[in-house]
Amino acid sequence: MSEELNAGRSGQAVSPGWLPPEQYAETVMKATAFACMYFTDEHDNPLQLKAVYSRTHPWQLVGGTMDPGERPWETALRECREETGIVYDGPAELLASVFGQPGAEWPYATIGFVFEGGRLTDEQIHSLVLDPAEHDQARVLPLSEWRALMPRRDFVRLDAVAQARRTGTAAYFGSWDWET
């Protein structure tokens, strides 16, 4: 193949198999991204919201899918405000990153960021304003009691996030795969 035929946009020679960025992008794994906040009560019992739209993941942290152009922290703040009415003004402190392979239920990989939300008072918890189109309950339970209410992988992720807060070391949770 001549140099002319095997040249990139800059006109410089490129290695065989080279694709323009827009073509290469079609060959790589696709992923959706989410960001959420980890809140607890004053006794470190996790807060979760019950989703009205998902039987697969009934109990969820405060958060959701990133909108185009958003960064993870911006998503976590927006979702927190939309889902609970809380306007969080603390620092961006990452507790965990989450990754899941695509599967039968969802054709894309999932990448997530869990940020520290802090401890809420009983008054703050009772004054949460839920969006009934998304969530119909907010609960605070000891970590051990969440196990019976959640799919195993969701509980393992929740446990990893709780441990990250306790130890001060961010967790990497890389097995939040969709069922195949």
N, C-alpha and C. Protein backbone atom coordinates (compact mmCIF):
# COMPACT_ATOMS: atom_id res chain seq x y z
N MET A 1 0.85 -1.17 0.00
CA MET A 1 0.00 0.00 0.00
C MET A 1 0.90 1.23 0.00
N SER A 2 0.55 2.19 -0.79
CA SER A 2 1.40 3.37 -0.88
C SER A 2 1.21 4.26 0.32
N GLU A 3 2.23 5.09 0.59
CA GLU A 3 2.13 6.06 1.68
C GLU A 3 0.89 6.93 1.53
N GLU A 4 0.58 7.27 0.29
CA GLU A 4 -0.55 8.15 0.04
C GLU A 4 -1.87 7.49 0.46
N LEU A 5 -2.02 6.19 0.19
CA LEU A 5 -3.25 5.49 0.54
C LEU A 5 -3.33 5.17 2.02
N ASN A 6 -2.20 5.10 2.68
CA ASN A 6 -2.16 4.73 4.09
C ASN A 6 -1.80 5.95 4.94
N ALA A 7 -2.42 7.07 4.66
CA ALA A 7 -2.13 8.30 5.39
C ALA A 7 -3.36 8.76 6.16
N GLY A 8 -3.14 9.30 7.32
CA GLY A 8 -4.23 9.87 8.12
C GLY A 8 -4.57 11.26 7.63
N ARG A 9 -5.44 11.94 8.35
CA ARG A 9 -5.87 13.29 7.97
C ARG A 9 -4.70 14.27 7.89
N SER A 10 -3.69 14.07 8.71
CA SER A 10 -2.56 14.99 8.72
C SER A 10 -1.64 14.78 7.53
N GLY A 11 -1.88 13.70 6.78
CA GLY A 11 -1.03 13.41 5.64
C GLY A 11 0.17 12.57 6.03
N GLN A 12 0.36 12.30 7.33
CA GLN A 12 1.49 11.49 7.77
C GLN A 12 1.12 10.02 7.64
N ALA A 13 2.13 9.18 7.42
CA ALA A 13 1.89 7.75 7.32
C ALA A 13 1.36 7.23 8.65
N VAL A 14 0.43 6.30 8.58
CA VAL A 14 -0.13 5.67 9.78
C VAL A 14 0.00 4.17 9.64
N SER A 15 -0.13 3.47 10.73
CA SER A 15 0.03 2.02 10.70
C SER A 15 -1.16 1.35 10.01
N PRO A 16 -0.94 0.17 9.46
CA PRO A 16 -2.04 -0.56 8.82
C PRO A 16 -3.16 -0.79 9.84
N GLY A 17 -4.39 -0.74 9.39
CA GLY A 17 -5.52 -0.92 10.28
C GLY A 17 -6.03 0.36 10.90
N TRP A 18 -5.33 1.45 10.66
CA TRP A 18 -5.75 2.74 11.21
C TRP A 18 -7.12 3.11 10.68
N LEU A 19 -7.97 3.65 11.55
CA LEU A 19 -9.29 4.13 11.15
C LEU A 19 -9.45 5.58 11.57
N PRO A 20 -10.15 6.38 10.81
CA PRO A 20 -10.46 7.73 11.26
C PRO A 20 -11.24 7.67 12.58
N PRO A 21 -11.12 8.67 13.44
CA PRO A 21 -11.77 8.63 14.76
C PRO A 21 -13.24 8.26 14.73
N GLU A 22 -14.02 8.81 13.81
CA GLU A 22 -15.45 8.52 13.78
C GLU A 22 -15.73 7.05 13.44
N GLN A 23 -14.87 6.41 12.65
CA GLN A 23 -15.03 4.99 12.36
C GLN A 23 -14.54 4.15 13.52
N TYR A 24 -13.40 4.54 14.10
CA TYR A 24 -12.87 3.79 15.25
C TYR A 24 -13.87 3.81 16.41
N ALA A 25 -14.52 4.94 16.63
CA ALA A 25 -15.48 5.07 17.73
C ALA A 25 -16.61 4.05 17.62
N GLU A 26 -16.96 3.66 16.42
CA GLU A 26 -18.02 2.66 16.23
C GLU A 26 -17.57 1.26 16.63
N THR A 27 -16.28 1.03 16.78
CA THR A 27 -15.77 -0.31 17.10
C THR A 27 -15.54 -0.53 18.59
N VAL A 28 -15.56 0.53 19.40
CA VAL A 28 -15.25 0.37 20.82
C VAL A 28 -16.52 0.15 21.64
N MET A 29 -16.34 -0.39 22.84
CA MET A 29 -17.44 -0.66 23.74
C MET A 29 -18.20 0.63 24.06
N LYS A 30 -19.50 0.54 24.12
CA LYS A 30 -20.35 1.67 24.50
C LYS A 30 -20.74 1.51 25.97
N ALA A 31 -20.91 2.63 26.65
CA ALA A 31 -21.26 2.58 28.07
C ALA A 31 -22.20 3.73 28.41
N THR A 32 -23.05 3.48 29.38
CA THR A 32 -23.83 4.55 30.00
C THR A 32 -23.17 4.85 31.33
N ALA A 33 -23.34 6.07 31.81
CA ALA A 33 -22.70 6.46 33.06
C ALA A 33 -23.74 7.03 34.02
N PHE A 34 -23.50 6.80 35.30
CA PHE A 34 -24.37 7.35 36.33
C PHE A 34 -23.51 7.92 37.45
N ALA A 35 -24.13 8.73 38.27
CA ALA A 35 -23.46 9.26 39.46
C ALA A 35 -24.50 9.36 40.57
N CYS A 36 -24.07 9.11 41.78
CA CYS A 36 -25.01 9.14 42.89
C CYS A 36 -24.32 9.57 44.18
N MET A 37 -25.16 9.78 45.18
CA MET A 37 -24.69 10.23 46.49
C MET A 37 -25.00 9.13 47.52
N TYR A 38 -24.09 8.93 48.44
CA TYR A 38 -24.27 7.97 49.53
C TYR A 38 -24.56 8.76 50.80
N PHE A 39 -25.80 8.68 51.25
CA PHE A 39 -26.21 9.32 52.49
C PHE A 39 -26.51 8.25 53.53
N THR A 40 -26.28 8.61 54.79
CA THR A 40 -26.70 7.75 55.89
C THR A 40 -27.40 8.62 56.93
N ASP A 41 -28.01 7.95 57.90
CA ASP A 41 -28.50 8.69 59.04
C ASP A 41 -27.33 8.93 59.99
N GLU A 42 -27.59 9.47 61.13
CA GLU A 42 -26.51 9.80 62.07
C GLU A 42 -25.86 8.57 62.70
N HIS A 43 -26.46 7.38 62.45
CA HIS A 43 -25.89 6.12 62.97
C HIS A 43 -25.24 5.31 61.86
N ASP A 44 -24.98 5.94 60.72
CA ASP A 44 -24.35 5.32 59.55
C ASP A 44 -25.20 4.25 58.87
N ASN A 45 -26.51 4.30 59.04
CA ASN A 45 -27.41 3.40 58.32
C ASN A 45 -27.70 4.02 56.95
N PRO A 46 -27.47 3.26 55.86
CA PRO A 46 -27.63 3.82 54.52
C PRO A 46 -29.08 4.22 54.18
N LEU A 47 -29.18 5.31 53.45
CA LEU A 47 -30.45 5.79 52.89
C LEU A 47 -30.54 5.30 51.46
N GLN A 48 -31.70 4.74 51.11
CA GLN A 48 -31.94 4.36 49.72
C GLN A 48 -33.38 4.72 49.35
N LEU A 49 -33.59 4.87 48.04
CA LEU A 49 -34.89 5.21 47.51
C LEU A 49 -35.45 4.01 46.75
N LYS A 50 -36.76 3.78 46.88
CA LYS A 50 -37.39 2.67 46.17
C LYS A 50 -37.89 3.16 44.82
N ALA A 51 -37.37 2.57 43.76
CA ALA A 51 -37.71 2.96 42.40
C ALA A 51 -39.07 2.37 42.00
N VAL A 52 -39.90 3.18 41.37
CA VAL A 52 -41.18 2.70 40.87
C VAL A 52 -41.04 2.11 39.47
N TYR A 53 -39.92 2.32 38.82
CA TYR A 53 -39.74 1.92 37.43
C TYR A 53 -38.81 0.72 37.25
N SER A 54 -38.27 0.16 38.32
CA SER A 54 -37.29 -0.92 38.16
C SER A 54 -37.51 -2.03 39.16
N ARG A 55 -37.90 -3.20 38.64
CA ARG A 55 -37.97 -4.38 39.51
C ARG A 55 -36.58 -5.01 39.64
N THR A 56 -35.70 -4.74 38.67
CA THR A 56 -34.35 -5.29 38.69
C THR A 56 -33.52 -4.67 39.81
N HIS A 57 -33.65 -3.36 40.00
CA HIS A 57 -32.91 -2.63 41.03
C HIS A 57 -33.92 -1.82 41.85
N PRO A 58 -34.65 -2.49 42.77
CA PRO A 58 -35.72 -1.78 43.48
C PRO A 58 -35.23 -0.68 44.43
N TRP A 59 -34.14 -0.91 45.10
CA TRP A 59 -33.62 0.08 46.05
C TRP A 59 -32.33 0.67 45.50
N GLN A 60 -32.27 1.99 45.49
CA GLN A 60 -31.17 2.67 44.83
C GLN A 60 -30.65 3.81 45.69
N LEU A 61 -29.38 4.12 45.48
CA LEU A 61 -28.82 5.32 46.07
C LEU A 61 -29.41 6.53 45.36
N VAL A 62 -29.28 7.69 45.96
CA VAL A 62 -29.77 8.93 45.36
C VAL A 62 -28.88 9.25 44.17
N GLY A 63 -29.42 9.22 42.96
CA GLY A 63 -28.61 9.51 41.79
C GLY A 63 -29.27 9.02 40.53
N GLY A 64 -28.54 9.11 39.43
CA GLY A 64 -29.10 8.67 38.16
C GLY A 64 -28.12 8.81 37.02
N THR A 65 -28.65 8.64 35.83
CA THR A 65 -27.87 8.63 34.61
C THR A 65 -27.40 10.04 34.24
N MET A 66 -26.17 10.09 33.76
CA MET A 66 -25.59 11.37 33.33
C MET A 66 -26.29 11.86 32.08
N ASP A 67 -26.56 13.15 32.02
CA ASP A 67 -27.07 13.80 30.82
C ASP A 67 -25.89 14.16 29.92
N PRO A 68 -26.13 14.27 28.61
CA PRO A 68 -25.04 14.68 27.71
C PRO A 68 -24.43 16.01 28.16
N GLY A 69 -23.12 16.07 28.18
CA GLY A 69 -22.40 17.27 28.56
C GLY A 69 -22.14 17.41 30.06
N GLU A 70 -22.76 16.54 30.87
CA GLU A 70 -22.54 16.62 32.32
C GLU A 70 -21.30 15.85 32.72
N ARG A 71 -20.72 16.30 33.81
CA ARG A 71 -19.63 15.58 34.46
C ARG A 71 -20.25 14.82 35.64
N PRO A 72 -19.59 13.75 36.13
CA PRO A 72 -20.18 12.95 37.19
C PRO A 72 -20.64 13.75 38.42
N TRP A 73 -19.83 14.66 38.90
CA TRP A 73 -20.21 15.42 40.10
C TRP A 73 -21.45 16.26 39.83
N GLU A 74 -21.52 16.85 38.65
CA GLU A 74 -22.70 17.65 38.28
C GLU A 74 -23.96 16.78 38.26
N THR A 75 -23.82 15.56 37.75
CA THR A 75 -24.96 14.63 37.72
C THR A 75 -25.40 14.29 39.14
N ALA A 76 -24.45 13.98 40.00
CA ALA A 76 -24.80 13.62 41.38
C ALA A 76 -25.56 14.76 42.06
N LEU A 77 -25.10 15.98 41.89
CA LEU A 77 -25.77 17.13 42.51
C LEU A 77 -27.17 17.34 41.94
N ARG A 78 -27.28 17.27 40.60
CA ARG A 78 -28.59 17.46 39.96
C ARG A 78 -29.57 16.39 40.40
N GLU A 79 -29.14 15.15 40.34
CA GLU A 79 -30.02 14.04 40.71
C GLU A 79 -30.42 14.12 42.19
N CYS A 80 -29.50 14.51 43.03
CA CYS A 80 -29.79 14.66 44.46
C CYS A 80 -30.92 15.68 44.67
N ARG A 81 -30.78 16.80 44.00
CA ARG A 81 -31.80 17.87 44.10
C ARG A 81 -33.14 17.38 43.55
N GLU A 82 -33.12 16.74 42.37
CA GLU A 82 -34.36 16.29 41.74
C GLU A 82 -35.05 15.17 42.52
N GLU A 83 -34.27 14.25 43.07
CA GLU A 83 -34.86 13.08 43.71
C GLU A 83 -35.21 13.26 45.18
N THR A 84 -34.58 14.20 45.85
CA THR A 84 -34.82 14.34 47.30
C THR A 84 -35.14 15.76 47.75
N GLY A 85 -34.83 16.74 46.91
CA GLY A 85 -34.97 18.13 47.33
C GLY A 85 -33.75 18.66 48.05
N ILE A 86 -32.75 17.81 48.30
CA ILE A 86 -31.54 18.23 48.98
C ILE A 86 -30.64 19.00 48.01
N VAL A 87 -30.24 20.19 48.40
CA VAL A 87 -29.25 20.95 47.65
C VAL A 87 -27.92 20.76 48.38
N TYR A 88 -27.14 19.84 47.90
CA TYR A 88 -25.89 19.47 48.58
C TYR A 88 -24.82 20.50 48.26
N ASP A 89 -24.12 20.97 49.30
CA ASP A 89 -23.08 21.98 49.08
C ASP A 89 -21.73 21.57 49.64
N GLY A 90 -21.57 20.27 49.89
CA GLY A 90 -20.29 19.77 50.39
C GLY A 90 -19.31 19.54 49.26
N PRO A 91 -18.13 19.05 49.62
CA PRO A 91 -17.09 18.80 48.60
C PRO A 91 -17.39 17.54 47.79
N ALA A 92 -16.76 17.44 46.65
CA ALA A 92 -16.85 16.24 45.80
C ALA A 92 -15.86 15.22 46.33
N GLU A 93 -16.35 14.24 47.05
CA GLU A 93 -15.50 13.19 47.61
C GLU A 93 -15.95 11.84 47.07
N LEU A 94 -15.13 11.23 46.22
CA LEU A 94 -15.47 9.96 45.59
C LEU A 94 -15.31 8.82 46.59
N LEU A 95 -16.38 8.04 46.75
CA LEU A 95 -16.32 6.85 47.60
C LEU A 95 -16.07 5.59 46.79
N ALA A 96 -16.61 5.54 45.58
CA ALA A 96 -16.47 4.32 44.79
C ALA A 96 -16.68 4.60 43.31
N SER A 97 -16.01 3.78 42.50
CA SER A 97 -16.33 3.73 41.08
C SER A 97 -16.90 2.35 40.82
N VAL A 98 -17.82 2.29 39.87
CA VAL A 98 -18.57 1.06 39.60
C VAL A 98 -18.48 0.76 38.11
N PHE A 99 -18.30 -0.52 37.79
CA PHE A 99 -18.30 -0.91 36.39
C PHE A 99 -19.09 -2.20 36.23
N GLY A 100 -19.87 -2.26 35.16
CA GLY A 100 -20.60 -3.48 34.83
C GLY A 100 -20.57 -3.75 33.34
N GLN A 101 -20.43 -5.02 32.98
CA GLN A 101 -20.46 -5.43 31.58
C GLN A 101 -21.91 -5.41 31.08
N PRO A 102 -22.11 -5.23 29.76
CA PRO A 102 -23.47 -5.28 29.22
C PRO A 102 -24.05 -6.69 29.37
N GLY A 103 -25.36 -6.81 29.19
CA GLY A 103 -26.00 -8.11 29.29
C GLY A 103 -27.35 -8.10 28.60
N ALA A 104 -28.17 -9.09 28.89
CA ALA A 104 -29.47 -9.24 28.24
C ALA A 104 -30.41 -8.07 28.54
N GLU A 105 -30.34 -7.54 29.74
CA GLU A 105 -31.25 -6.45 30.13
C GLU A 105 -30.83 -5.09 29.59
N TRP A 106 -29.53 -4.91 29.34
CA TRP A 106 -29.02 -3.61 28.91
C TRP A 106 -27.83 -3.84 27.99
N PRO A 107 -27.85 -3.27 26.78
CA PRO A 107 -26.81 -3.59 25.79
C PRO A 107 -25.49 -2.84 25.96
N TYR A 108 -25.37 -1.99 26.95
CA TYR A 108 -24.16 -1.20 27.14
C TYR A 108 -23.51 -1.51 28.48
N ALA A 109 -22.23 -1.28 28.56
CA ALA A 109 -21.55 -1.35 29.85
C ALA A 109 -22.08 -0.21 30.72
N THR A 110 -21.86 -0.32 32.02
CA THR A 110 -22.30 0.70 32.96
C THR A 110 -21.10 1.18 33.76
N ILE A 111 -20.93 2.49 33.81
CA ILE A 111 -19.85 3.09 34.58
C ILE A 111 -20.49 4.06 35.57
N GLY A 112 -20.12 3.96 36.84
CA GLY A 112 -20.74 4.82 37.85
C GLY A 112 -19.76 5.38 38.84
N PHE A 113 -20.20 6.45 39.47
CA PHE A 113 -19.42 7.17 40.47
C PHE A 113 -20.30 7.39 41.69
N VAL A 114 -19.83 6.97 42.85
CA VAL A 114 -20.59 7.16 44.09
C VAL A 114 -19.83 8.16 44.95
N PHE A 115 -20.51 9.26 45.28
CA PHE A 115 -19.91 10.34 46.05
C PHE A 115 -20.46 10.36 47.48
N GLU A 116 -19.65 10.82 48.39
CA GLU A 116 -20.04 10.99 49.79
C GLU A 116 -21.10 12.08 49.89
N GLY A 117 -22.20 11.75 50.55
CA GLY A 117 -23.26 12.73 50.78
C GLY A 117 -23.33 13.18 52.23
N GLY A 118 -22.75 12.38 53.12
CA GLY A 118 -22.75 12.75 54.52
C GLY A 118 -23.87 12.10 55.32
N ARG A 119 -23.97 12.56 56.54
CA ARG A 119 -24.98 12.04 57.47
C ARG A 119 -26.13 13.03 57.56
N LEU A 120 -27.34 12.49 57.46
CA LEU A 120 -28.53 13.32 57.55
C LEU A 120 -29.18 13.15 58.92
N THR A 121 -29.76 14.22 59.42
CA THR A 121 -30.52 14.15 60.67
C THR A 121 -31.87 13.50 60.38
N ASP A 122 -32.55 13.07 61.44
CA ASP A 122 -33.89 12.52 61.29
C ASP A 122 -34.81 13.54 60.62
N GLU A 123 -34.66 14.80 61.00
CA GLU A 123 -35.49 15.86 60.41
C GLU A 123 -35.24 15.98 58.91
N GLN A 124 -33.98 15.93 58.48
CA GLN A 124 -33.67 16.00 57.06
C GLN A 124 -34.24 14.80 56.30
N ILE A 125 -34.16 13.63 56.90
CA ILE A 125 -34.68 12.42 56.26
C ILE A 125 -36.20 12.52 56.11
N HIS A 126 -36.88 12.96 57.15
CA HIS A 126 -38.35 13.07 57.09
C HIS A 126 -38.82 14.18 56.16
N SER A 127 -37.95 15.11 55.83
CA SER A 127 -38.37 16.21 54.95
C SER A 127 -37.94 16.01 53.49
N LEU A 128 -37.46 14.80 53.15
CA LEU A 128 -37.12 14.53 51.76
C LEU A 128 -38.35 14.68 50.88
N VAL A 129 -38.16 15.23 49.71
CA VAL A 129 -39.24 15.40 48.75
C VAL A 129 -38.95 14.49 47.57
N LEU A 130 -39.70 13.39 47.47
CA LEU A 130 -39.48 12.41 46.41
C LEU A 130 -40.30 12.76 45.18
N ASP A 131 -39.77 12.44 44.02
CA ASP A 131 -40.49 12.57 42.77
C ASP A 131 -41.29 11.27 42.59
N PRO A 132 -42.63 11.31 42.70
CA PRO A 132 -43.42 10.07 42.65
C PRO A 132 -43.32 9.33 41.31
N ALA A 133 -42.88 10.00 40.27
CA ALA A 133 -42.68 9.32 38.98
C ALA A 133 -41.43 8.44 39.01
N GLU A 134 -40.56 8.65 40.01
CA GLU A 134 -39.32 7.87 40.10
C GLU A 134 -39.24 7.00 41.35
N HIS A 135 -39.63 7.55 42.50
CA HIS A 135 -39.47 6.83 43.77
C HIS A 135 -40.70 7.02 44.64
N ASP A 136 -41.08 5.94 45.33
CA ASP A 136 -42.24 6.04 46.21
C ASP A 136 -41.91 5.86 47.70
N GLN A 137 -40.66 5.57 48.01
CA GLN A 137 -40.25 5.42 49.41
C GLN A 137 -38.79 5.82 49.57
N ALA A 138 -38.49 6.29 50.77
CA ALA A 138 -37.11 6.48 51.21
C ALA A 138 -36.99 5.71 52.51
N ARG A 139 -35.94 4.92 52.62
CA ARG A 139 -35.73 4.13 53.83
C ARG A 139 -34.30 4.26 54.30
N VAL A 140 -34.15 4.20 55.60
CA VAL A 140 -32.85 4.12 56.24
C VAL A 140 -32.88 2.86 57.09
N LEU A 141 -31.96 1.94 56.79
CA LEU A 141 -31.89 0.68 57.51
C LEU A 141 -30.44 0.35 57.81
N PRO A 142 -30.21 -0.47 58.86
CA PRO A 142 -28.85 -0.97 59.05
C PRO A 142 -28.42 -1.75 57.81
N LEU A 143 -27.15 -1.71 57.52
CA LEU A 143 -26.63 -2.35 56.32
C LEU A 143 -27.08 -3.80 56.21
N SER A 144 -27.03 -4.54 57.29
CA SER A 144 -27.38 -5.97 57.26
C SER A 144 -28.83 -6.19 56.85
N GLU A 145 -29.73 -5.26 57.13
CA GLU A 145 -31.14 -5.43 56.76
C GLU A 145 -31.40 -5.15 55.28
N TRP A 146 -30.50 -4.45 54.62
CA TRP A 146 -30.67 -4.19 53.19
C TRP A 146 -30.49 -5.47 52.37
N ARG A 147 -29.71 -6.41 52.87
CA ARG A 147 -29.38 -7.63 52.11
C ARG A 147 -30.64 -8.35 51.61
N ALA A 148 -31.66 -8.48 52.43
CA ALA A 148 -32.87 -9.21 52.05
C ALA A 148 -33.74 -8.45 51.05
N LEU A 149 -33.52 -7.16 50.89
CA LEU A 149 -34.37 -6.33 50.04
C LEU A 149 -33.79 -6.05 48.66
N MET A 150 -32.58 -6.51 48.42
CA MET A 150 -31.88 -6.12 47.19
C MET A 150 -31.30 -7.33 46.48
N PRO A 151 -31.14 -7.23 45.15
CA PRO A 151 -30.38 -8.27 44.45
C PRO A 151 -28.95 -8.32 45.03
N ARG A 152 -28.36 -9.49 44.97
CA ARG A 152 -27.03 -9.70 45.57
C ARG A 152 -26.02 -8.66 45.10
N ARG A 153 -25.92 -8.44 43.79
CA ARG A 153 -24.89 -7.52 43.29
C ARG A 153 -25.12 -6.10 43.78
N ASP A 154 -26.38 -5.70 43.95
CA ASP A 154 -26.66 -4.36 44.47
C ASP A 154 -26.24 -4.25 45.93
N PHE A 155 -26.50 -5.33 46.70
CA PHE A 155 -26.09 -5.29 48.11
C PHE A 155 -24.56 -5.28 48.24
N VAL A 156 -23.88 -6.08 47.43
CA VAL A 156 -22.41 -6.12 47.49
C VAL A 156 -21.85 -4.74 47.17
N ARG A 157 -22.45 -4.05 46.21
CA ARG A 157 -22.01 -2.69 45.88
C ARG A 157 -22.26 -1.76 47.06
N LEU A 158 -23.44 -1.83 47.67
CA LEU A 158 -23.76 -1.00 48.83
C LEU A 158 -22.77 -1.25 49.97
N ASP A 159 -22.45 -2.50 50.21
CA ASP A 159 -21.50 -2.87 51.25
C ASP A 159 -20.11 -2.30 50.94
N ALA A 160 -19.69 -2.35 49.67
CA ALA A 160 -18.38 -1.80 49.28
C ALA A 160 -18.34 -0.29 49.51
N VAL A 161 -19.44 0.39 49.22
CA VAL A 161 -19.50 1.84 49.43
C VAL A 161 -19.43 2.16 50.93
N ALA A 162 -20.18 1.41 51.73
CA ALA A 162 -20.15 1.62 53.19
C ALA A 162 -18.74 1.39 53.74
N GLN A 163 -18.06 0.37 53.24
CA GLN A 163 -16.70 0.08 53.68
C GLN A 163 -15.75 1.20 53.25
N ALA A 164 -15.95 1.73 52.05
CA ALA A 164 -15.11 2.83 51.57
C ALA A 164 -15.24 4.03 52.51
N ARG A 165 -16.45 4.31 52.96
CA ARG A 165 -16.62 5.42 53.89
C ARG A 165 -15.91 5.12 55.21
N ARG A 166 -16.07 3.91 55.72
CA ARG A 166 -15.45 3.54 57.00
C ARG A 166 -13.93 3.62 56.95
N THR A 167 -13.34 3.17 55.85
CA THR A 167 -11.89 3.08 55.76
C THR A 167 -11.23 4.33 55.20
N GLY A 168 -12.01 5.16 54.49
CA GLY A 168 -11.44 6.34 53.86
C GLY A 168 -10.70 6.02 52.57
N THR A 169 -10.86 4.80 52.07
CA THR A 169 -10.23 4.39 50.81
C THR A 169 -11.32 4.13 49.78
N ALA A 170 -11.28 4.85 48.67
CA ALA A 170 -12.29 4.68 47.63
C ALA A 170 -12.29 3.24 47.13
N ALA A 171 -13.48 2.74 46.84
CA ALA A 171 -13.64 1.37 46.37
C ALA A 171 -13.75 1.34 44.86
N TYR A 172 -13.26 0.26 44.29
CA TYR A 172 -13.51 -0.04 42.88
C TYR A 172 -14.37 -1.28 42.87
N PHE A 173 -15.58 -1.14 42.37
CA PHE A 173 -16.50 -2.26 42.30
C PHE A 173 -16.69 -2.62 40.83
N GLY A 174 -16.00 -3.64 40.38
CA GLY A 174 -15.94 -3.96 38.96
C GLY A 174 -16.77 -5.14 38.52
N SER A 175 -17.73 -5.56 39.32
CA SER A 175 -18.53 -6.73 38.93
C SER A 175 -20.03 -6.46 39.03
N TRP A 176 -20.42 -5.26 38.65
CA TRP A 176 -21.85 -4.90 38.68
C TRP A 176 -22.45 -5.19 37.31
N ASP A 177 -22.20 -6.40 36.80
CA ASP A 177 -22.59 -6.78 35.45
C ASP A 177 -24.09 -6.99 35.32
N TRP A 178 -24.59 -6.74 34.11
CA TRP A 178 -25.97 -7.06 33.79
C TRP A 178 -26.05 -8.57 33.57
N GLU A 179 -27.20 -9.14 33.89
CA GLU A 179 -27.39 -10.58 33.69
C GLU A 179 -27.28 -10.91 32.21
N THR A 180 -26.65 -12.03 31.90
CA THR A 180 -26.49 -12.42 30.49
C THR A 180 -27.55 -13.42 30.09
